[in-house]
PDB file of all heavy atoms in Angstrom:
ATOM      1  N   CYS A   1       0.834  -1.205   0.000  1.00  0.00           N
ATOM      2  CA  CYS A   1       0.000   0.000   0.000  1.00  0.00           C
ATOM      3  C   CYS A   1       0.869   1.256   0.000  1.00  0.00           C
ATOM      4  O   CYS A   1       0.598   2.213  -0.738  1.00  0.00           O
ATOM      5  CB  CYS A   1      -0.935  -0.011   1.211  1.00  0.00           C
ATOM      6  SG  CYS A   1      -2.037   1.419   1.301  1.00  0.00           S
ATOM      7  N   ARG A   2       1.919   1.249   0.816  1.00  0.00           N
ATOM      8  CA  ARG A   2       2.819   2.409   0.849  1.00  0.00           C
ATOM      9  C   ARG A   2       3.475   2.630  -0.516  1.00  0.00           C
ATOM     10  O   ARG A   2       3.612   3.775  -0.969  1.00  0.00           O
ATOM     11  CB  ARG A   2       3.901   2.208   1.910  1.00  0.00           C
ATOM     12  CG  ARG A   2       3.415   2.279   3.342  1.00  0.00           C
ATOM     13  CD  ARG A   2       4.568   2.459   4.304  1.00  0.00           C
ATOM     14  NE  ARG A   2       4.116   2.416   5.687  1.00  0.00           N
ATOM     15  CZ  ARG A   2       4.193   1.358   6.475  1.00  0.00           C
ATOM     16  NH1 ARG A   2       4.709   0.223   6.008  1.00  0.00           N
ATOM     17  NH2 ARG A   2       3.767   1.398   7.721  1.00  0.00           N
ATOM     18  N   ARG A   3       3.893   1.552  -1.153  1.00  0.00           N
ATOM     19  CA  ARG A   3       4.545   1.669  -2.465  1.00  0.00           C
ATOM     20  C   ARG A   3       3.566   2.237  -3.493  1.00  0.00           C
ATOM     21  O   ARG A   3       3.929   3.082  -4.315  1.00  0.00           O
ATOM     22  CB  ARG A   3       5.069   0.300  -2.913  1.00  0.00           C
ATOM     23  CG  ARG A   3       6.132  -0.292  -1.995  1.00  0.00           C
ATOM     24  CD  ARG A   3       7.493   0.342  -2.187  1.00  0.00           C
ATOM     25  NE  ARG A   3       8.122  -0.097  -3.417  1.00  0.00           N
ATOM     26  CZ  ARG A   3       8.857  -1.215  -3.525  1.00  0.00           C
ATOM     27  NH1 ARG A   3       9.012  -2.021  -2.473  1.00  0.00           N
ATOM     28  NH2 ARG A   3       9.422  -1.535  -4.666  1.00  0.00           N
ATOM     29  N   ILE A   4       2.334   1.743  -3.449  1.00  0.00           N
ATOM     30  CA  ILE A   4       1.314   2.256  -4.360  1.00  0.00           C
ATOM     31  C   ILE A   4       1.041   3.727  -4.091  1.00  0.00           C
ATOM     32  O   ILE A   4       0.960   4.544  -5.015  1.00  0.00           O
ATOM     33  CB  ILE A   4       0.023   1.430  -4.232  1.00  0.00           C
ATOM     34  CG1 ILE A   4       0.224   0.037  -4.820  1.00  0.00           C
ATOM     35  CG2 ILE A   4      -1.152   2.133  -4.909  1.00  0.00           C
ATOM     36  CD1 ILE A   4      -0.955  -0.903  -4.621  1.00  0.00           C
ATOM     37  N   ARG A   5       0.939   4.077  -2.815  1.00  0.00           N
ATOM     38  CA  ARG A   5       0.623   5.463  -2.465  1.00  0.00           C
ATOM     39  C   ARG A   5       1.760   6.411  -2.835  1.00  0.00           C
ATOM     40  O   ARG A   5       1.519   7.591  -3.112  1.00  0.00           O
ATOM     41  CB  ARG A   5       0.294   5.549  -0.967  1.00  0.00           C
ATOM     42  CG  ARG A   5      -0.359   6.832  -0.523  1.00  0.00           C
ATOM     43  CD  ARG A   5      -1.597   7.196  -1.329  1.00  0.00           C
ATOM     44  NE  ARG A   5      -2.765   6.408  -1.000  1.00  0.00           N
ATOM     45  CZ  ARG A   5      -3.540   5.828  -1.901  1.00  0.00           C
ATOM     46  NH1 ARG A   5      -3.266   5.909  -3.180  1.00  0.00           N
ATOM     47  NH2 ARG A   5      -4.605   5.148  -1.535  1.00  0.00           N
ATOM     48  N   ASP A   6       2.994   5.921  -2.873  1.00  0.00           N
ATOM     49  CA  ASP A   6       4.120   6.752  -3.314  1.00  0.00           C
ATOM     50  C   ASP A   6       3.998   7.132  -4.785  1.00  0.00           C
ATOM     51  O   ASP A   6       4.552   8.134  -5.225  1.00  0.00           O
ATOM     52  CB  ASP A   6       5.455   6.006  -3.110  1.00  0.00           C
ATOM     53  CG  ASP A   6       5.874   5.949  -1.654  1.00  0.00           C
ATOM     54  OD1 ASP A   6       5.350   6.741  -0.857  1.00  0.00           O
ATOM     55  OD2 ASP A   6       6.722   5.097  -1.327  1.00  0.00           O
ATOM     56  N   GLU A   7       3.262   6.314  -5.538  1.00  0.00           N
ATOM     57  CA  GLU A   7       3.183   6.500  -6.986  1.00  0.00           C
ATOM     58  C   GLU A   7       1.818   6.963  -7.476  1.00  0.00           C
ATOM     59  O   GLU A   7       1.703   7.433  -8.616  1.00  0.00           O
ATOM     60  CB  GLU A   7       3.531   5.182  -7.697  1.00  0.00           C
ATOM     61  CG  GLU A   7       4.902   4.629  -7.333  1.00  0.00           C
ATOM     62  CD  GLU A   7       5.166   3.260  -7.949  1.00  0.00           C
ATOM     63  OE1 GLU A   7       4.411   2.877  -8.874  1.00  0.00           O
ATOM     64  OE2 GLU A   7       6.117   2.579  -7.508  1.00  0.00           O
ATOM     65  N   SER A   8       0.780   6.812  -6.653  1.00  0.00           N
ATOM     66  CA  SER A   8      -0.567   7.026  -7.165  1.00  0.00           C
ATOM     67  C   SER A   8      -1.544   7.342  -6.036  1.00  0.00           C
ATOM     68  O   SER A   8      -1.307   7.003  -4.875  1.00  0.00           O
ATOM     69  CB  SER A   8      -1.033   5.763  -7.911  1.00  0.00           C
ATOM     70  OG  SER A   8      -2.382   5.829  -8.272  1.00  0.00           O
ATOM     71  N   THR A   9      -2.650   7.990  -6.408  1.00  0.00           N
ATOM     72  CA  THR A   9      -3.746   8.222  -5.460  1.00  0.00           C
ATOM     73  C   THR A   9      -4.895   7.239  -5.695  1.00  0.00           C
ATOM     74  O   THR A   9      -5.991   7.431  -5.196  1.00  0.00           O
ATOM     75  CB  THR A   9      -4.293   9.654  -5.581  1.00  0.00           C
ATOM     76  OG1 THR A   9      -4.783   9.872  -6.917  1.00  0.00           O
ATOM     77  CG2 THR A   9      -3.217  10.678  -5.243  1.00  0.00           C
ATOM     78  N   VAL A  10      -4.636   6.179  -6.465  1.00  0.00           N
ATOM     79  CA  VAL A  10      -5.671   5.180  -6.733  1.00  0.00           C
ATOM     80  C   VAL A  10      -6.247   4.657  -5.413  1.00  0.00           C
ATOM     81  O   VAL A  10      -5.516   4.475  -4.441  1.00  0.00           O
ATOM     82  CB  VAL A  10      -5.090   4.019  -7.574  1.00  0.00           C
ATOM     83  CG1 VAL A  10      -4.091   3.203  -6.763  1.00  0.00           C
ATOM     84  CG2 VAL A  10      -6.193   3.121  -8.107  1.00  0.00           C
ATOM     85  N   PRO A  11      -7.555   4.453  -5.331  1.00  0.00           N
ATOM     86  CA  PRO A  11      -8.145   3.969  -4.081  1.00  0.00           C
ATOM     87  C   PRO A  11      -7.585   2.608  -3.674  1.00  0.00           C
ATOM     88  O   PRO A  11      -7.323   1.749  -4.524  1.00  0.00           O
ATOM     89  CB  PRO A  11      -9.639   3.862  -4.406  1.00  0.00           C
ATOM     90  CG  PRO A  11      -9.848   4.765  -5.569  1.00  0.00           C
ATOM     91  CD  PRO A  11      -8.592   4.717  -6.361  1.00  0.00           C
ATOM     92  N   VAL A  12      -7.427   2.422  -2.364  1.00  0.00           N
ATOM     93  CA  VAL A  12      -6.920   1.164  -1.814  1.00  0.00           C
ATOM     94  C   VAL A  12      -7.816   0.715  -0.665  1.00  0.00           C
ATOM     95  O   VAL A  12      -8.138   1.505   0.227  1.00  0.00           O
ATOM     96  CB  VAL A  12      -5.471   1.315  -1.302  1.00  0.00           C
ATOM     97  CG1 VAL A  12      -5.011   0.022  -0.624  1.00  0.00           C
ATOM     98  CG2 VAL A  12      -4.525   1.699  -2.429  1.00  0.00           C
ATOM     99  N   ILE A  13      -8.217  -0.546  -0.706  1.00  0.00           N
ATOM    100  CA  ILE A  13      -8.945  -1.168   0.402  1.00  0.00           C
ATOM    101  C   ILE A  13      -8.092  -2.310   0.930  1.00  0.00           C
ATOM    102  O   ILE A  13      -7.631  -3.156   0.168  1.00  0.00           O
ATOM    103  CB  ILE A  13     -10.317  -1.703  -0.036  1.00  0.00           C
ATOM    104  CG1 ILE A  13     -11.221  -0.563  -0.510  1.00  0.00           C
ATOM    105  CG2 ILE A  13     -10.994  -2.463   1.115  1.00  0.00           C
ATOM    106  CD1 ILE A  13     -12.576  -1.033  -1.022  1.00  0.00           C
ATOM    107  N   MET A  14      -7.874  -2.334   2.235  1.00  0.00           N
ATOM    108  CA  MET A  14      -7.116  -3.402   2.863  1.00  0.00           C
ATOM    109  C   MET A  14      -8.062  -4.496   3.350  1.00  0.00           C
ATOM    110  O   MET A  14      -9.175  -4.215   3.804  1.00  0.00           O
ATOM    111  CB  MET A  14      -6.318  -2.878   4.059  1.00  0.00           C
ATOM    112  CG  MET A  14      -5.351  -1.741   3.764  1.00  0.00           C
ATOM    113  SD  MET A  14      -4.032  -2.182   2.607  1.00  0.00           S
ATOM    114  CE  MET A  14      -3.211  -3.508   3.505  1.00  0.00           C
ATOM    115  N   LEU A  15      -7.610  -5.741   3.260  1.00  0.00           N
ATOM    116  CA  LEU A  15      -8.332  -6.887   3.803  1.00  0.00           C
ATOM    117  C   LEU A  15      -7.511  -7.480   4.938  1.00  0.00           C
ATOM    118  O   LEU A  15      -6.305  -7.664   4.797  1.00  0.00           O
ATOM    119  CB  LEU A  15      -8.546  -7.949   2.728  1.00  0.00           C
ATOM    120  CG  LEU A  15      -9.341  -7.546   1.487  1.00  0.00           C
ATOM    121  CD1 LEU A  15      -9.400  -8.707   0.506  1.00  0.00           C
ATOM    122  CD2 LEU A  15     -10.749  -7.110   1.864  1.00  0.00           C
ATOM    123  N   SER A  16      -8.170  -7.772   6.052  1.00  0.00           N
ATOM    124  CA  SER A  16      -7.457  -8.337   7.187  1.00  0.00           C
ATOM    125  C   SER A  16      -8.290  -9.432   7.819  1.00  0.00           C
ATOM    126  O   SER A  16      -9.509  -9.311   7.945  1.00  0.00           O
ATOM    127  CB  SER A  16      -7.160  -7.250   8.229  1.00  0.00           C
ATOM    128  OG  SER A  16      -6.598  -7.815   9.396  1.00  0.00           O
ATOM    129  N   ALA A  17      -7.628 -10.521   8.214  1.00  0.00           N
ATOM    130  CA  ALA A  17      -8.320 -11.615   8.888  1.00  0.00           C
ATOM    131  C   ALA A  17      -8.660 -11.255  10.329  1.00  0.00           C
ATOM    132  O   ALA A  17      -9.420 -11.943  10.982  1.00  0.00           O
ATOM    133  CB  ALA A  17      -7.467 -12.883   8.858  1.00  0.00           C
ATOM    134  N   ARG A  18      -8.080 -10.176  10.806  1.00  0.00           N
ATOM    135  CA  ARG A  18      -8.328  -9.723  12.164  1.00  0.00           C
ATOM    136  C   ARG A  18      -8.736  -8.263  12.151  1.00  0.00           C
ATOM    137  O   ARG A  18      -8.372  -7.525  11.250  1.00  0.00           O
ATOM    138  CB  ARG A  18      -7.077  -9.889  13.039  1.00  0.00           C
ATOM    139  CG  ARG A  18      -6.544 -11.300  13.082  1.00  0.00           C
ATOM    140  CD  ARG A  18      -5.305 -11.345  13.957  1.00  0.00           C
ATOM    141  NE  ARG A  18      -4.266 -10.438  13.480  1.00  0.00           N
ATOM    142  CZ  ARG A  18      -3.144 -10.187  14.156  1.00  0.00           C
ATOM    143  NH1 ARG A  18      -2.941 -10.745  15.331  1.00  0.00           N
ATOM    144  NH2 ARG A  18      -2.222  -9.380  13.657  1.00  0.00           N
ATOM    145  N   ALA A  19      -9.492  -7.864  13.158  1.00  0.00           N
ATOM    146  CA  ALA A  19      -9.873  -6.458  13.286  1.00  0.00           C
ATOM    147  C   ALA A  19      -9.009  -5.775  14.336  1.00  0.00           C
ATOM    148  O   ALA A  19      -9.401  -4.775  14.933  1.00  0.00           O
ATOM    149  CB  ALA A  19     -11.349  -6.340  13.662  1.00  0.00           C
ATOM    150  N   ASP A  20      -7.810  -6.358  14.582  1.00  0.00           N
ATOM    151  CA  ASP A  20      -6.916  -5.776  15.575  1.00  0.00           C
ATOM    152  C   ASP A  20      -6.594  -4.336  15.227  1.00  0.00           C
ATOM    153  O   ASP A  20      -6.413  -3.988  14.050  1.00  0.00           O
ATOM    154  CB  ASP A  20      -5.604  -6.570  15.647  1.00  0.00           C
ATOM    155  CG  ASP A  20      -5.796  -7.930  16.299  1.00  0.00           C
ATOM    156  OD1 ASP A  20      -6.916  -8.186  16.776  1.00  0.00           O
ATOM    157  OD2 ASP A  20      -4.834  -8.709  16.340  1.00  0.00           O
ATOM    158  N   ALA A  21      -6.480  -3.506  16.239  1.00  0.00           N
ATOM    159  CA  ALA A  21      -6.191  -2.094  16.029  1.00  0.00           C
ATOM    160  C   ALA A  21      -4.892  -1.896  15.258  1.00  0.00           C
ATOM    161  O   ALA A  21      -4.804  -1.024  14.398  1.00  0.00           O
ATOM    162  CB  ALA A  21      -6.115  -1.365  17.379  1.00  0.00           C
ATOM    163  N   ILE A  22      -3.906  -2.735  15.533  1.00  0.00           N
ATOM    164  CA  ILE A  22      -2.608  -2.566  14.859  1.00  0.00           C
ATOM    165  C   ILE A  22      -2.758  -2.784  13.368  1.00  0.00           C
ATOM    166  O   ILE A  22      -2.278  -1.987  12.554  1.00  0.00           O
ATOM    167  CB  ILE A  22      -1.570  -3.543  15.449  1.00  0.00           C
ATOM    168  CG1 ILE A  22      -1.245  -3.161  16.897  1.00  0.00           C
ATOM    169  CG2 ILE A  22      -0.301  -3.530  14.612  1.00  0.00           C
ATOM    170  CD1 ILE A  22      -0.281  -4.102  17.584  1.00  0.00           C
ATOM    171  N   ASP A  23      -3.431  -3.857  12.958  1.00  0.00           N
ATOM    172  CA  ASP A  23      -3.643  -4.138  11.542  1.00  0.00           C
ATOM    173  C   ASP A  23      -4.387  -2.993  10.862  1.00  0.00           C
ATOM    174  O   ASP A  23      -4.014  -2.528   9.792  1.00  0.00           O
ATOM    175  CB  ASP A  23      -4.443  -5.426  11.353  1.00  0.00           C
ATOM    176  CG  ASP A  23      -3.580  -6.667  11.520  1.00  0.00           C
ATOM    177  OD1 ASP A  23      -2.357  -6.519  11.642  1.00  0.00           O
ATOM    178  OD2 ASP A  23      -4.136  -7.775  11.541  1.00  0.00           O
ATOM    179  N   VAL A  24      -5.474  -2.559  11.492  1.00  0.00           N
ATOM    180  CA  VAL A  24      -6.312  -1.518  10.912  1.00  0.00           C
ATOM    181  C   VAL A  24      -5.552  -0.205  10.781  1.00  0.00           C
ATOM    182  O   VAL A  24      -5.504   0.412   9.714  1.00  0.00           O
ATOM    183  CB  VAL A  24      -7.583  -1.316  11.761  1.00  0.00           C
ATOM    184  CG1 VAL A  24      -8.377  -0.109  11.259  1.00  0.00           C
ATOM    185  CG2 VAL A  24      -8.448  -2.565  11.736  1.00  0.00           C
ATOM    186  N   VAL A  25      -4.941   0.220  11.871  1.00  0.00           N
ATOM    187  CA  VAL A  25      -4.258   1.512  11.879  1.00  0.00           C
ATOM    188  C   VAL A  25      -3.062   1.519  10.939  1.00  0.00           C
ATOM    189  O   VAL A  25      -2.847   2.492  10.205  1.00  0.00           O
ATOM    190  CB  VAL A  25      -3.838   1.891  13.317  1.00  0.00           C
ATOM    191  CG1 VAL A  25      -2.954   3.137  13.310  1.00  0.00           C
ATOM    192  CG2 VAL A  25      -5.070   2.142  14.176  1.00  0.00           C
ATOM    193  N   LEU A  26      -2.283   0.445  10.929  1.00  0.00           N
ATOM    194  CA  LEU A  26      -1.128   0.394  10.034  1.00  0.00           C
ATOM    195  C   LEU A  26      -1.561   0.513   8.575  1.00  0.00           C
ATOM    196  O   LEU A  26      -0.938   1.224   7.782  1.00  0.00           O
ATOM    197  CB  LEU A  26      -0.345  -0.897  10.244  1.00  0.00           C
ATOM    198  CG  LEU A  26       0.543  -0.975  11.485  1.00  0.00           C
ATOM    199  CD1 LEU A  26       1.189  -2.355  11.594  1.00  0.00           C
ATOM    200  CD2 LEU A  26       1.614   0.111  11.472  1.00  0.00           C
ATOM    201  N   GLY A  27      -2.627  -0.191   8.211  1.00  0.00           N
ATOM    202  CA  GLY A  27      -3.117  -0.117   6.840  1.00  0.00           C
ATOM    203  C   GLY A  27      -3.600   1.272   6.478  1.00  0.00           C
ATOM    204  O   GLY A  27      -3.291   1.792   5.406  1.00  0.00           O
ATOM    205  N   LEU A  28      -4.351   1.892   7.375  1.00  0.00           N
ATOM    206  CA  LEU A  28      -4.860   3.235   7.104  1.00  0.00           C
ATOM    207  C   LEU A  28      -3.743   4.267   7.081  1.00  0.00           C
ATOM    208  O   LEU A  28      -3.730   5.172   6.244  1.00  0.00           O
ATOM    209  CB  LEU A  28      -5.917   3.611   8.140  1.00  0.00           C
ATOM    210  CG  LEU A  28      -7.198   2.768   8.118  1.00  0.00           C
ATOM    211  CD1 LEU A  28      -8.078   3.099   9.313  1.00  0.00           C
ATOM    212  CD2 LEU A  28      -7.957   2.971   6.819  1.00  0.00           C
ATOM    213  N   GLU A  29      -2.795   4.127   8.001  1.00  0.00           N
ATOM    214  CA  GLU A  29      -1.676   5.073   8.022  1.00  0.00           C
ATOM    215  C   GLU A  29      -0.809   4.938   6.775  1.00  0.00           C
ATOM    216  O   GLU A  29      -0.158   5.897   6.357  1.00  0.00           O
ATOM    217  CB  GLU A  29      -0.834   4.858   9.287  1.00  0.00           C
ATOM    218  CG  GLU A  29      -1.493   5.374  10.548  1.00  0.00           C
ATOM    219  CD  GLU A  29      -0.627   5.180  11.773  1.00  0.00           C
ATOM    220  OE1 GLU A  29       0.321   4.361  11.720  1.00  0.00           O
ATOM    221  OE2 GLU A  29      -0.901   5.846  12.796  1.00  0.00           O
ATOM    222  N   ALA A  30      -0.798   3.748   6.179  1.00  0.00           N
ATOM    223  CA  ALA A  30      -0.023   3.530   4.959  1.00  0.00           C
ATOM    224  C   ALA A  30      -0.676   4.191   3.753  1.00  0.00           C
ATOM    225  O   ALA A  30      -0.060   4.297   2.689  1.00  0.00           O
ATOM    226  CB  ALA A  30       0.154   2.042   4.701  1.00  0.00           C
ATOM    227  N   GLY A  31      -1.919   4.638   3.921  1.00  0.00           N
ATOM    228  CA  GLY A  31      -2.592   5.343   2.834  1.00  0.00           C
ATOM    229  C   GLY A  31      -3.852   4.680   2.327  1.00  0.00           C
ATOM    230  O   GLY A  31      -4.449   5.150   1.359  1.00  0.00           O
ATOM    231  N   ALA A  32      -4.278   3.583   2.965  1.00  0.00           N
ATOM    232  CA  ALA A  32      -5.507   2.917   2.529  1.00  0.00           C
ATOM    233  C   ALA A  32      -6.713   3.811   2.790  1.00  0.00           C
ATOM    234  O   ALA A  32      -6.737   4.595   3.742  1.00  0.00           O
ATOM    235  CB  ALA A  32      -5.676   1.582   3.253  1.00  0.00           C
ATOM    236  N   ASP A  33      -7.719   3.681   1.934  1.00  0.00           N
ATOM    237  CA  ASP A  33      -8.935   4.473   2.076  1.00  0.00           C
ATOM    238  C   ASP A  33      -9.955   3.802   2.979  1.00  0.00           C
ATOM    239  O   ASP A  33     -10.791   4.472   3.586  1.00  0.00           O
ATOM    240  CB  ASP A  33      -9.558   4.698   0.691  1.00  0.00           C
ATOM    241  CG  ASP A  33      -8.636   5.483  -0.219  1.00  0.00           C
ATOM    242  OD1 ASP A  33      -8.659   6.716  -0.144  1.00  0.00           O
ATOM    243  OD2 ASP A  33      -7.879   4.865  -0.992  1.00  0.00           O
ATOM    244  N   ASP A  34      -9.902   2.482   3.062  1.00  0.00           N
ATOM    245  CA  ASP A  34     -10.867   1.746   3.864  1.00  0.00           C
ATOM    246  C   ASP A  34     -10.299   0.358   4.123  1.00  0.00           C
ATOM    247  O   ASP A  34      -9.251  -0.011   3.580  1.00  0.00           O
ATOM    248  CB  ASP A  34     -12.206   1.639   3.120  1.00  0.00           C
ATOM    249  CG  ASP A  34     -13.384   1.388   4.051  1.00  0.00           C
ATOM    250  OD1 ASP A  34     -13.167   1.159   5.257  1.00  0.00           O
ATOM    251  OD2 ASP A  34     -14.535   1.416   3.563  1.00  0.00           O
ATOM    252  N   TYR A  35     -10.971  -0.425   4.961  1.00  0.00           N
ATOM    253  CA  TYR A  35     -10.556  -1.801   5.197  1.00  0.00           C
ATOM    254  C   TYR A  35     -11.787  -2.660   5.406  1.00  0.00           C
ATOM    255  O   TYR A  35     -12.856  -2.177   5.794  1.00  0.00           O
ATOM    256  CB  TYR A  35      -9.613  -1.904   6.398  1.00  0.00           C
ATOM    257  CG  TYR A  35     -10.315  -1.923   7.733  1.00  0.00           C
ATOM    258  CD1 TYR A  35     -10.622  -3.127   8.374  1.00  0.00           C
ATOM    259  CD2 TYR A  35     -10.699  -0.737   8.345  1.00  0.00           C
ATOM    260  CE1 TYR A  35     -11.294  -3.149   9.578  1.00  0.00           C
ATOM    261  CE2 TYR A  35     -11.371  -0.746   9.557  1.00  0.00           C
ATOM    262  CZ  TYR A  35     -11.666  -1.950  10.170  1.00  0.00           C
ATOM    263  OH  TYR A  35     -12.345  -1.963  11.358  1.00  0.00           O
ATOM    264  N   VAL A  36     -11.632  -3.944   5.116  1.00  0.00           N
ATOM    265  CA  VAL A  36     -12.704  -4.920   5.297  1.00  0.00           C
ATOM    266  C   VAL A  36     -12.120  -6.109   6.052  1.00  0.00           C
ATOM    267  O   VAL A  36     -11.029  -6.589   5.720  1.00  0.00           O
ATOM    268  CB  VAL A  36     -13.281  -5.381   3.942  1.00  0.00           C
ATOM    269  CG1 VAL A  36     -14.323  -6.484   4.147  1.00  0.00           C
ATOM    270  CG2 VAL A  36     -13.895  -4.203   3.191  1.00  0.00           C
ATOM    271  N   THR A  37     -12.842  -6.581   7.058  1.00  0.00           N
ATOM    272  CA  THR A  37     -12.380  -7.703   7.865  1.00  0.00           C
ATOM    273  C   THR A  37     -12.858  -9.021   7.271  1.00  0.00           C
ATOM    274  O   THR A  37     -14.022  -9.153   6.878  1.00  0.00           O
ATOM    275  CB  THR A  37     -12.894  -7.575   9.312  1.00  0.00           C
ATOM    276  OG1 THR A  37     -12.451  -6.333   9.861  1.00  0.00           O
ATOM    277  CG2 THR A  37     -12.373  -8.700  10.169  1.00  0.00           C
ATOM    278  N   LYS A  38     -11.942  -9.983   7.177  1.00  0.00           N
ATOM    279  CA  LYS A  38     -12.301 -11.337   6.719  1.00  0.00           C
ATOM    280  C   LYS A  38     -12.772 -12.176   7.912  1.00  0.00           C
ATOM    281  O   LYS A  38     -12.280 -11.975   9.017  1.00  0.00           O
ATOM    282  CB  LYS A  38     -11.090 -12.006   6.061  1.00  0.00           C
ATOM    283  CG  LYS A  38     -10.630 -11.303   4.790  1.00  0.00           C
ATOM    284  CD  LYS A  38      -9.638 -12.130   4.000  1.00  0.00           C
ATOM    285  CE  LYS A  38      -8.325 -12.306   4.702  1.00  0.00           C
ATOM    286  NZ  LYS A  38      -7.304 -13.008   3.889  1.00  0.00           N
ATOM    287  N   PRO A  39     -13.698 -13.124   7.688  1.00  0.00           N
ATOM    288  CA  PRO A  39     -14.389 -13.412   6.420  1.00  0.00           C
ATOM    289  C   PRO A  39     -15.413 -12.329   6.107  1.00  0.00           C
ATOM    290  O   PRO A  39     -16.001 -11.728   7.008  1.00  0.00           O
ATOM    291  CB  PRO A  39     -15.070 -14.747   6.691  1.00  0.00           C
ATOM    292  CG  PRO A  39     -15.310 -14.750   8.161  1.00  0.00           C
ATOM    293  CD  PRO A  39     -14.142 -14.028   8.775  1.00  0.00           C
ATOM    294  N   PHE A  40     -15.614 -12.065   4.822  1.00  0.00           N
ATOM    295  CA  PHE A  40     -16.534 -11.019   4.417  1.00  0.00           C
ATOM    296  C   PHE A  40     -17.574 -11.579   3.459  1.00  0.00           C
ATOM    297  O   PHE A  40     -17.350 -12.587   2.780  1.00  0.00           O
ATOM    298  CB  PHE A  40     -15.791  -9.861   3.747  1.00  0.00           C
ATOM    299  CG  PHE A  40     -14.833 -10.295   2.664  1.00  0.00           C
ATOM    300  CD1 PHE A  40     -15.280 -10.628   1.400  1.00  0.00           C
ATOM    301  CD2 PHE A  40     -13.469 -10.382   2.936  1.00  0.00           C
ATOM    302  CE1 PHE A  40     -14.393 -11.039   0.419  1.00  0.00           C
ATOM    303  CE2 PHE A  40     -12.573 -10.789   1.947  1.00  0.00           C
ATOM    304  CZ  PHE A  40     -13.038 -11.123   0.685  1.00  0.00           C
ATOM    305  N   ASP A  41     -18.714 -10.916   3.410  1.00  0.00           N
ATOM    306  CA  ASP A  41     -19.757 -11.258   2.451  1.00  0.00           C
ATOM    307  C   ASP A  41     -19.427 -10.575   1.126  1.00  0.00           C
ATOM    308  O   ASP A  41     -19.058  -9.406   1.091  1.00  0.00           O
ATOM    309  CB  ASP A  41     -21.114 -10.769   2.981  1.00  0.00           C
ATOM    310  CG  ASP A  41     -22.249 -11.114   2.039  1.00  0.00           C
ATOM    311  OD1 ASP A  41     -22.543 -10.287   1.152  1.00  0.00           O
ATOM    312  OD2 ASP A  41     -22.833 -12.198   2.172  1.00  0.00           O
ATOM    313  N   GLY A  42     -19.570 -11.314   0.030  1.00  0.00           N
ATOM    314  CA  GLY A  42     -19.226 -10.765  -1.279  1.00  0.00           C
ATOM    315  C   GLY A  42     -19.992  -9.503  -1.611  1.00  0.00           C
ATOM    316  O   GLY A  42     -19.431  -8.539  -2.151  1.00  0.00           O
ATOM    317  N   ALA A  43     -21.276  -9.463  -1.255  1.00  0.00           N
ATOM    318  CA  ALA A  43     -22.092  -8.285  -1.551  1.00  0.00           C
ATOM    319  C   ALA A  43     -21.619  -7.070  -0.762  1.00  0.00           C
ATOM    320  O   ALA A  43     -21.636  -5.938  -1.271  1.00  0.00           O
ATOM    321  CB  ALA A  43     -23.558  -8.575  -1.238  1.00  0.00           C
TER     322      ALA A  43
END
């Protein structure tokens, strides 16, 4: 995500098997726009 954000503003969604604060915050701080916790519903 950080590498992508260095090159582009394309939207990024992170997927994580856990909703731990560390996982969520690290992904968002890296430049992600949102996150979804696994398992997730396709819809």
